Amino acid sequence: MRTRFFEVTSGRYSSAWHRIPLFLAAVFLLLFASANEALAHAVAEGDKGYIQEISGIHLIPFMYLGAKHMSTGYDHILFLLGVIFFLYRMKHIAFYVTLFAIGHSTTMLLGVYFNVGINSYIIDAIIGLSVVYKALDNIGGFQRWLGFQPNTKVATIVFGLFHGFGLSTKIIEYNISPDGLIPNLLAFNVGVEIGQLVALGTILIAMSYWRKTSSFWRHAYAANVAMMCAGFVLIGYQLTGYFVS
């Protein structure tokens, strides 16, 4: 499939990069419109207060918070979109999503448990870089421009680790109670995976319809360029915040 993509982008459709599908443009606009409420891995103020005030085991509320975080986390969604963009078989999709989930879950759980945090601006800039990486990989930029191809499996799990650190850093900042910490974190992680499945299912439905149209191969390059631009915006925003804070 990627061979066909490269042929299309190098042939008569090479100038199609600027024709972005309307539904993808709307998705990007909605994602960034929500940025004023919760940038990258930030937690809503109401949820922040709840996390700080409660103690003991609260499995259902933490599952809800985890699902809410993942289903509204536009950086996760952009990265997942990039990961599955050219994956058609469910076993391949499941494999890469599982790698991402392993990385994400590992650093989120261990980071909070051992109180290991990273500057939120730096970690969110790295997460933005993960979006840039995946978009560049999808358009064949590494082979054509840099002369090498990173291992996509390793890259997926490594960036998954950084995504998990982004969330653990925020949870640490909110001083979650040690009473019931492990069960609550596990419940939160279960919620994160549920939210990921919901987001992934929505993406797959949209992609399945789009792939059936003739516009997919004409606009695939454009969509990934737009995704890359979104990643650079995230990087720039976070680095600006780091240097001016």
C-alpha atoms as a PDB file:
ATOM      1  CA  MET A   1       0.000   0.000   0.000  1.00  0.00           C
ATOM      2  CA  ARG A   2       2.800   2.411   0.808  1.00  0.00           C
ATOM      3  CA  THR A   3       4.356   1.723  -2.595  1.00  0.00           C
ATOM      4  CA  ARG A   4       1.181   2.942  -4.197  1.00  0.00           C
ATOM      5  CA  PHE A   5       1.212   5.966  -1.896  1.00  0.00           C
ATOM      6  CA  PHE A   6       4.743   6.899  -2.951  1.00  0.00           C
ATOM      7  CA  GLU A   7       3.807   6.470  -6.595  1.00  0.00           C
ATOM      8  CA  VAL A   8       0.813   8.720  -6.168  1.00  0.00           C
ATOM      9  CA  THR A   9       2.701  11.432  -4.309  1.00  0.00           C
ATOM     10  CA  SER A  10       5.525  11.404  -6.861  1.00  0.00           C
ATOM     11  CA  GLY A  11       3.206  11.332  -9.867  1.00  0.00           C
ATOM     12  CA  ARG A  12       0.237  13.355 -10.940  1.00  0.00           C
ATOM     13  CA  TYR A  13      -1.017  13.747  -7.371  1.00  0.00           C
ATOM     14  CA  SER A  14       2.222  15.223  -6.016  1.00  0.00           C
ATOM     15  CA  SER A  15       0.618  18.654  -5.886  1.00  0.00           C
ATOM     16  CA  ALA A  16      -2.345  17.377  -3.888  1.00  0.00           C
ATOM     17  CA  TRP A  17      -0.680  18.000  -0.540  1.00  0.00           C
ATOM     18  CA  HIS A  18      -2.547  21.262  -0.096  1.00  0.00           C
ATOM     19  CA  ARG A  19      -6.022  19.743  -0.532  1.00  0.00           C
ATOM     20  CA  ILE A  20      -6.809  18.622   3.012  1.00  0.00           C
ATOM     21  CA  PRO A  21      -9.983  16.569   3.481  1.00  0.00           C
ATOM     22  CA  LEU A  22     -12.667  18.562   5.232  1.00  0.00           C
ATOM     23  CA  PHE A  23     -13.286  16.010   7.942  1.00  0.00           C
ATOM     24  CA  LEU A  24      -9.624  15.915   8.944  1.00  0.00           C
ATOM     25  CA  ALA A  25      -9.455  19.698   8.968  1.00  0.00           C
ATOM     26  CA  ALA A  26     -12.512  19.749  11.231  1.00  0.00           C
ATOM     27  CA  VAL A  27     -10.889  17.206  13.543  1.00  0.00           C
ATOM     28  CA  PHE A  28      -7.757  19.307  13.891  1.00  0.00           C
ATOM     29  CA  LEU A  29      -9.788  22.432  14.537  1.00  0.00           C
ATOM     30  CA  LEU A  30     -11.825  20.702  17.228  1.00  0.00           C
ATOM     31  CA  LEU A  31      -8.721  19.315  18.845  1.00  0.00           C
ATOM     32  CA  PHE A  32      -7.036  22.683  19.124  1.00  0.00           C
ATOM     33  CA  ALA A  33     -10.254  24.447  20.067  1.00  0.00           C
ATOM     34  CA  SER A  34     -10.292  22.285  23.175  1.00  0.00           C
ATOM     35  CA  ALA A  35      -6.725  23.247  24.037  1.00  0.00           C
ATOM     36  CA  ASN A  36      -7.817  26.133  26.254  1.00  0.00           C
ATOM     37  CA  GLU A  37      -9.427  23.644  28.626  1.00  0.00           C
ATOM     38  CA  ALA A  38      -6.671  21.060  28.805  1.00  0.00           C
ATOM     39  CA  LEU A  39      -3.426  21.333  26.912  1.00  0.00           C
ATOM     40  CA  ALA A  40      -1.761  17.991  26.196  1.00  0.00           C
ATOM     41  CA  HIS A  41      -1.895  16.019  29.449  1.00  0.00           C
ATOM     42  CA  ALA A  42      -3.500  18.602  31.687  1.00  0.00           C
ATOM     43  CA  VAL A  43      -6.422  17.503  33.854  1.00  0.00           C
ATOM     44  CA  ALA A  44      -9.584  19.615  34.065  1.00  0.00           C
ATOM     45  CA  GLU A  45      -9.865  21.793  37.159  1.00  0.00           C
ATOM     46  CA  GLY A  46     -12.872  19.892  38.493  1.00  0.00           C
ATOM     47  CA  ASP A  47     -11.074  16.577  38.118  1.00  0.00           C
ATOM     48  CA  LYS A  48      -7.953  18.058  39.679  1.00  0.00           C
ATOM     49  CA  GLY A  49      -9.887  19.069  42.786  1.00  0.00           C
ATOM     50  CA  TYR A  50     -11.489  15.634  43.020  1.00  0.00           C
ATOM     51  CA  ILE A  51      -8.097  13.881  42.794  1.00  0.00           C
ATOM     52  CA  GLN A  52      -6.653  16.089  45.510  1.00  0.00           C
ATOM     53  CA  GLU A  53      -9.550  15.703  47.943  1.00  0.00           C
ATOM     54  CA  ILE A  54     -10.404  11.999  47.920  1.00  0.00           C
ATOM     55  CA  SER A  55      -8.615   9.152  49.680  1.00  0.00           C
ATOM     56  CA  GLY A  56      -9.199   5.432  49.722  1.00  0.00           C
ATOM     57  CA  ILE A  57     -10.153   3.129  46.876  1.00  0.00           C
ATOM     58  CA  HIS A  58     -12.432   4.644  44.204  1.00  0.00           C
ATOM     59  CA  LEU A  59     -12.238   2.333  41.200  1.00  0.00           C
ATOM     60  CA  ILE A  60     -15.154   3.547  39.070  1.00  0.00           C
ATOM     61  CA  PRO A  61     -14.348   7.279  39.375  1.00  0.00           C
ATOM     62  CA  PHE A  62     -10.721   6.660  38.457  1.00  0.00           C
ATOM     63  CA  MET A  63     -11.725   4.478  35.506  1.00  0.00           C
ATOM     64  CA  TYR A  64     -13.935   7.330  34.329  1.00  0.00           C
ATOM     65  CA  LEU A  65     -11.108   9.862  34.715  1.00  0.00           C
ATOM     66  CA  GLY A  66      -8.738   7.620  32.765  1.00  0.00           C
ATOM     67  CA  ALA A  67     -11.207   7.095  29.928  1.00  0.00           C
ATOM     68  CA  LYS A  68     -11.992  10.803  29.823  1.00  0.00           C
ATOM     69  CA  HIS A  69      -8.324  11.703  29.646  1.00  0.00           C
ATOM     70  CA  MET A  70      -7.559   9.393  26.742  1.00  0.00           C
ATOM     71  CA  SER A  71     -10.700  10.104  24.719  1.00  0.00           C
ATOM     72  CA  THR A  72     -10.105  13.886  24.943  1.00  0.00           C
ATOM     73  CA  GLY A  73      -6.295  13.832  24.710  1.00  0.00           C
ATOM     74  CA  TYR A  74      -5.685  15.206  21.242  1.00  0.00           C
ATOM     75  CA  ASP A  75      -1.957  14.392  21.321  1.00  0.00           C
ATOM     76  CA  HIS A  76      -2.765  10.703  21.911  1.00  0.00           C
ATOM     77  CA  ILE A  77      -5.383  10.785  19.164  1.00  0.00           C
ATOM     78  CA  LEU A  78      -3.029  12.395  16.642  1.00  0.00           C
ATOM     79  CA  PHE A  79      -0.328   9.841  17.377  1.00  0.00           C
ATOM     80  CA  LEU A  80      -2.759   6.923  17.125  1.00  0.00           C
ATOM     81  CA  LEU A  81      -4.081   8.332  13.844  1.00  0.00           C
ATOM     82  CA  GLY A  82      -0.543   8.363  12.509  1.00  0.00           C
ATOM     83  CA  VAL A  83       0.163   4.839  13.741  1.00  0.00           C
ATOM     84  CA  ILE A  84      -2.850   3.249  12.019  1.00  0.00           C
ATOM     85  CA  PHE A  85      -2.940   5.499   8.954  1.00  0.00           C
ATOM     86  CA  PHE A  86      -1.591   2.830   6.591  1.00  0.00           C
ATOM     87  CA  LEU A  87      -2.501  -0.238   8.635  1.00  0.00           C
ATOM     88  CA  TYR A  88      -5.348  -2.297   7.178  1.00  0.00           C
ATOM     89  CA  ARG A  89      -5.215  -5.631   8.992  1.00  0.00           C
ATOM     90  CA  MET A  90      -6.632  -5.759  12.491  1.00  0.00           C
ATOM     91  CA  LYS A  91      -3.757  -7.901  13.756  1.00  0.00           C
ATOM     92  CA  HIS A  92      -1.292  -5.207  12.706  1.00  0.00           C
ATOM     93  CA  ILE A  93      -3.397  -2.453  14.268  1.00  0.00           C
ATOM     94  CA  ALA A  94      -3.761  -4.468  17.478  1.00  0.00           C
ATOM     95  CA  PHE A  95      -0.020  -5.135  17.599  1.00  0.00           C
ATOM     96  CA  TYR A  96       1.053  -1.494  17.335  1.00  0.00           C
ATOM     97  CA  VAL A  97      -1.673  -0.222  19.637  1.00  0.00           C
ATOM     98  CA  THR A  98      -0.632  -2.849  22.195  1.00  0.00           C
ATOM     99  CA  LEU A  99       2.986  -1.673  21.991  1.00  0.00           C
ATOM    100  CA  PHE A 100       1.838   1.883  22.599  1.00  0.00           C
ATOM    101  CA  ALA A 101      -0.381   0.791  25.501  1.00  0.00           C
ATOM    102  CA  ILE A 102       2.461  -1.159  27.136  1.00  0.00           C
ATOM    103  CA  GLY A 103       4.747   1.860  26.987  1.00  0.00           C
ATOM    104  CA  HIS A 104       2.070   4.279  28.115  1.00  0.00           C
ATOM    105  CA  SER A 105       0.892   2.122  31.013  1.00  0.00           C
ATOM    106  CA  THR A 106       4.386   1.291  32.250  1.00  0.00           C
ATOM    107  CA  THR A 107       5.625   4.847  32.747  1.00  0.00           C
ATOM    108  CA  MET A 108       2.273   6.143  33.950  1.00  0.00           C
ATOM    109  CA  LEU A 109       2.046   3.549  36.733  1.00  0.00           C
ATOM    110  CA  LEU A 110       5.718   3.461  37.718  1.00  0.00           C
ATOM    111  CA  GLY A 111       6.159   7.209  37.405  1.00  0.00           C
ATOM    112  CA  VAL A 112       3.386   7.923  39.903  1.00  0.00           C
ATOM    113  CA  TYR A 113       4.270   5.059  42.244  1.00  0.00           C
ATOM    114  CA  PHE A 114       7.953   6.038  42.482  1.00  0.00           C
ATOM    115  CA  ASN A 115       7.198   9.767  42.258  1.00  0.00           C
ATOM    116  CA  VAL A 116       9.288  10.230  39.105  1.00  0.00           C
ATOM    117  CA  GLY A 117       8.208  13.245  37.109  1.00  0.00           C
ATOM    118  CA  ILE A 118       9.615  15.201  34.182  1.00  0.00           C
ATOM    119  CA  ASN A 119       9.126  18.884  33.451  1.00  0.00           C
ATOM    120  CA  SER A 120       5.660  18.972  31.865  1.00  0.00           C
ATOM    121  CA  TYR A 121       6.708  21.383  29.101  1.00  0.00           C
ATOM    122  CA  ILE A 122       9.627  19.181  28.057  1.00  0.00           C
ATOM    123  CA  ILE A 123       7.659  15.938  28.106  1.00  0.00           C
ATOM    124  CA  ASP A 124       4.770  17.466  26.156  1.00  0.00           C
ATOM    125  CA  ALA A 125       7.229  18.833  23.578  1.00  0.00           C
ATOM    126  CA  ILE A 126       8.575  15.278  23.153  1.00  0.00           C
ATOM    127  CA  ILE A 127       5.010  14.043  22.727  1.00  0.00           C
ATOM    128  CA  GLY A 128       4.547  16.643  19.996  1.00  0.00           C
ATOM    129  CA  LEU A 129       7.733  15.264  18.439  1.00  0.00           C
ATOM    130  CA  SER A 130       6.141  11.800  18.401  1.00  0.00           C
ATOM    131  CA  VAL A 131       3.362  13.169  16.188  1.00  0.00           C
ATOM    132  CA  VAL A 132       5.939  14.757  13.855  1.00  0.00           C
ATOM    133  CA  TYR A 133       7.889  11.494  13.727  1.00  0.00           C
ATOM    134  CA  LYS A 134       4.888   9.377  12.784  1.00  0.00           C
ATOM    135  CA  ALA A 135       3.681  11.784  10.105  1.00  0.00           C
ATOM    136  CA  LEU A 136       7.188  11.974   8.623  1.00  0.00           C
ATOM    137  CA  ASP A 137       7.401   8.186   8.683  1.00  0.00           C
ATOM    138  CA  ASN A 138       4.051   7.895   6.908  1.00  0.00           C
ATOM    139  CA  ILE A 139       5.126  10.092   3.987  1.00  0.00           C
ATOM    140  CA  GLY A 140       8.436   8.247   3.630  1.00  0.00           C
ATOM    141  CA  GLY A 141      10.492  11.222   4.727  1.00  0.00           C
ATOM    142  CA  PHE A 142      13.129   9.236   6.574  1.00  0.00           C
ATOM    143  CA  GLN A 143      14.022   7.104   3.534  1.00  0.00           C
ATOM    144  CA  ARG A 144      13.783   9.846   0.927  1.00  0.00           C
ATOM    145  CA  TRP A 145      15.286  12.778   2.834  1.00  0.00           C
ATOM    146  CA  LEU A 146      17.459  11.277   5.570  1.00  0.00           C
ATOM    147  CA  GLY A 147      18.444   7.965   3.996  1.00  0.00           C
ATOM    148  CA  PHE A 148      17.402   5.645   6.818  1.00  0.00           C
ATOM    149  CA  GLN A 149      14.295   4.059   8.303  1.00  0.00           C
ATOM    150  CA  PRO A 150      13.782   3.935  12.093  1.00  0.00           C
ATOM    151  CA  ASN A 151      12.393   0.739  13.576  1.00  0.00           C
ATOM    152  CA  THR A 152       8.680   1.530  13.816  1.00  0.00           C
ATOM    153  CA  LYS A 153       8.052  -1.040  16.555  1.00  0.00           C
ATOM    154  CA  VAL A 154      10.767   0.368  18.793  1.00  0.00           C
ATOM    155  CA  ALA A 155       9.687   3.941  18.076  1.00  0.00           C
ATOM    156  CA  THR A 156       6.065   3.155  18.961  1.00  0.00           C
ATOM    157  CA  ILE A 157       6.876   1.686  22.354  1.00  0.00           C
ATOM    158  CA  VAL A 158       9.479   4.395  23.140  1.00  0.00           C
ATOM    159  CA  PHE A 159       7.045   7.196  22.363  1.00  0.00           C
ATOM    160  CA  GLY A 160       4.432   5.293  24.351  1.00  0.00           C
ATOM    161  CA  LEU A 161       6.775   5.542  27.339  1.00  0.00           C
ATOM    162  CA  PHE A 162       6.957   9.317  26.909  1.00  0.00           C
ATOM    163  CA  HIS A 163       3.180   9.614  26.589  1.00  0.00           C
ATOM    164  CA  GLY A 164       2.861   7.774  29.912  1.00  0.00           C
ATOM    165  CA  PHE A 165       5.377  10.082  31.566  1.00  0.00           C
ATOM    166  CA  GLY A 166       3.290  13.030  30.415  1.00  0.00           C
ATOM    167  CA  LEU A 167       0.313  11.771  32.374  1.00  0.00           C
ATOM    168  CA  SER A 168       2.269  10.600  35.429  1.00  0.00           C
ATOM    169  CA  THR A 169       3.875  14.035  35.682  1.00  0.00           C
ATOM    170  CA  LYS A 170       0.462  15.679  35.894  1.00  0.00           C
ATOM    171  CA  ILE A 171      -0.874  13.176  38.432  1.00  0.00           C
ATOM    172  CA  ILE A 172       2.178  13.744  40.650  1.00  0.00           C
ATOM    173  CA  GLU A 173       1.562  17.498  40.538  1.00  0.00           C
ATOM    174  CA  TYR A 174      -1.958  16.923  41.923  1.00  0.00           C
ATOM    175  CA  ASN A 175      -0.699  15.051  45.008  1.00  0.00           C
ATOM    176  CA  ILE A 176      -2.902  11.982  44.749  1.00  0.00           C
ATOM    177  CA  SER A 177      -3.509  10.344  48.138  1.00  0.00           C
ATOM    178  CA  PRO A 178      -1.280   7.309  48.924  1.00  0.00           C
ATOM    179  CA  ASP A 179      -4.336   5.649  50.508  1.00  0.00           C
ATOM    180  CA  GLY A 180      -5.602   3.281  47.825  1.00  0.00           C
ATOM    181  CA  LEU A 181      -2.951   4.491  45.372  1.00  0.00           C
ATOM    182  CA  ILE A 182      -2.260   1.191  43.598  1.00  0.00           C
ATOM    183  CA  PRO A 183      -5.901   0.136  43.016  1.00  0.00           C
ATOM    184  CA  ASN A 184      -6.805   3.665  41.923  1.00  0.00           C
ATOM    185  CA  LEU A 185      -3.877   3.844  39.496  1.00  0.00           C
ATOM    186  CA  LEU A 186      -4.757   0.448  38.038  1.00  0.00           C
ATOM    187  CA  ALA A 187      -8.370   1.546  37.637  1.00  0.00           C
ATOM    188  CA  PHE A 188      -7.196   4.769  35.999  1.00  0.00           C
ATOM    189  CA  ASN A 189      -5.057   2.760  33.596  1.00  0.00           C
ATOM    190  CA  VAL A 190      -7.990   0.498  32.732  1.00  0.00           C
ATOM    191  CA  GLY A 191      -9.988   3.623  31.985  1.00  0.00           C
ATOM    192  CA  VAL A 192      -7.172   4.944  29.805  1.00  0.00           C
ATOM    193  CA  GLU A 193      -7.252   1.748  27.739  1.00  0.00           C
ATOM    194  CA  ILE A 194     -11.043   1.938  27.432  1.00  0.00           C
ATOM    195  CA  GLY A 195     -10.763   5.527  26.264  1.00  0.00           C
ATOM    196  CA  GLN A 196      -8.066   4.503  23.806  1.00  0.00           C
ATOM    197  CA  LEU A 197     -10.330   1.823  22.353  1.00  0.00           C
ATOM    198  CA  VAL A 198     -13.171   4.339  21.991  1.00  0.00           C
ATOM    199  CA  ALA A 199     -10.902   6.875  20.270  1.00  0.00           C
ATOM    200  CA  LEU A 200      -9.343   4.202  18.098  1.00  0.00           C
ATOM    201  CA  GLY A 201     -12.740   2.813  17.104  1.00  0.00           C
ATOM    202  CA  THR A 202     -13.910   6.276  16.036  1.00  0.00           C
ATOM    203  CA  ILE A 203     -10.735   6.788  13.995  1.00  0.00           C
ATOM    204  CA  LEU A 204     -11.067   3.379  12.324  1.00  0.00           C
ATOM    205  CA  ILE A 205     -14.683   4.015  11.352  1.00  0.00           C
ATOM    206  CA  ALA A 206     -13.768   7.358   9.760  1.00  0.00           C
ATOM    207  CA  MET A 207     -10.704   5.870   8.063  1.00  0.00           C
ATOM    208  CA  SER A 208     -12.631   2.884   6.694  1.00  0.00           C
ATOM    209  CA  TYR A 209     -15.098   5.166   4.934  1.00  0.00           C
ATOM    210  CA  TRP A 210     -12.373   7.484   3.668  1.00  0.00           C
ATOM    211  CA  ARG A 211     -10.238   4.618   2.329  1.00  0.00           C
ATOM    212  CA  LYS A 212     -13.149   3.507   0.126  1.00  0.00           C
ATOM    213  CA  THR A 213     -13.142   6.815  -1.719  1.00  0.00           C
ATOM    214  CA  SER A 214     -10.828   7.891  -4.509  1.00  0.00           C
ATOM    215  CA  SER A 215      -9.774  10.906  -2.466  1.00  0.00           C
ATOM    216  CA  PHE A 216      -7.816   8.830   0.054  1.00  0.00           C
ATOM    217  CA  TRP A 217      -4.684   8.411  -2.042  1.00  0.00           C
ATOM    218  CA  ARG A 218      -4.975  11.966  -3.345  1.00  0.00           C
ATOM    219  CA  HIS A 219      -5.121  13.452   0.130  1.00  0.00           C
ATOM    220  CA  ALA A 220      -3.119  10.990   2.262  1.00  0.00           C
ATOM    221  CA  TYR A 221       0.032  13.063   1.826  1.00  0.00           C
ATOM    222  CA  ALA A 222      -1.843  16.248   2.717  1.00  0.00           C
ATOM    223  CA  ALA A 223      -3.320  14.702   5.852  1.00  0.00           C
ATOM    224  CA  ASN A 224       0.085  13.628   7.122  1.00  0.00           C
ATOM    225  CA  VAL A 225       1.619  17.019   6.340  1.00  0.00           C
ATOM    226  CA  ALA A 226      -1.213  18.598   8.362  1.00  0.00           C
ATOM    227  CA  MET A 227      -0.532  16.130  11.164  1.00  0.00           C
ATOM    228  CA  MET A 228       3.155  17.011  11.084  1.00  0.00           C
ATOM    229  CA  CYS A 229       2.327  20.719  11.268  1.00  0.00           C
ATOM    230  CA  ALA A 230       0.106  20.057  14.286  1.00  0.00           C
ATOM    231  CA  GLY A 231       3.021  18.255  15.948  1.00  0.00           C
ATOM    232  CA  PHE A 232       5.340  21.204  15.302  1.00  0.00           C
ATOM    233  CA  VAL A 233       2.725  23.547  16.772  1.00  0.00           C
ATOM    234  CA  LEU A 234       2.613  21.423  19.920  1.00  0.00           C
ATOM    235  CA  ILE A 235       6.412  21.428  20.155  1.00  0.00           C
ATOM    236  CA  GLY A 236       6.632  25.181  19.651  1.00  0.00           C
ATOM    237  CA  TYR A 237       3.913  25.904  22.185  1.00  0.00           C
ATOM    238  CA  GLN A 238       5.479  23.741  24.872  1.00  0.00           C
ATOM    239  CA  LEU A 239       9.030  25.014  24.325  1.00  0.00           C
ATOM    240  CA  THR A 240       7.759  28.574  24.450  1.00  0.00           C
ATOM    241  CA  GLY A 241       6.044  27.799  27.742  1.00  0.00           C
ATOM    242  CA  TYR A 242       9.254  26.235  29.073  1.00  0.00           C
ATOM    243  CA  PHE A 243      11.410  29.263  28.300  1.00  0.00           C
ATOM    244  CA  VAL A 244       8.960  31.939  29.461  1.00  0.00           C
ATOM    245  CA  SER A 245       7.675  30.186  32.599  1.00  0.00           C
END
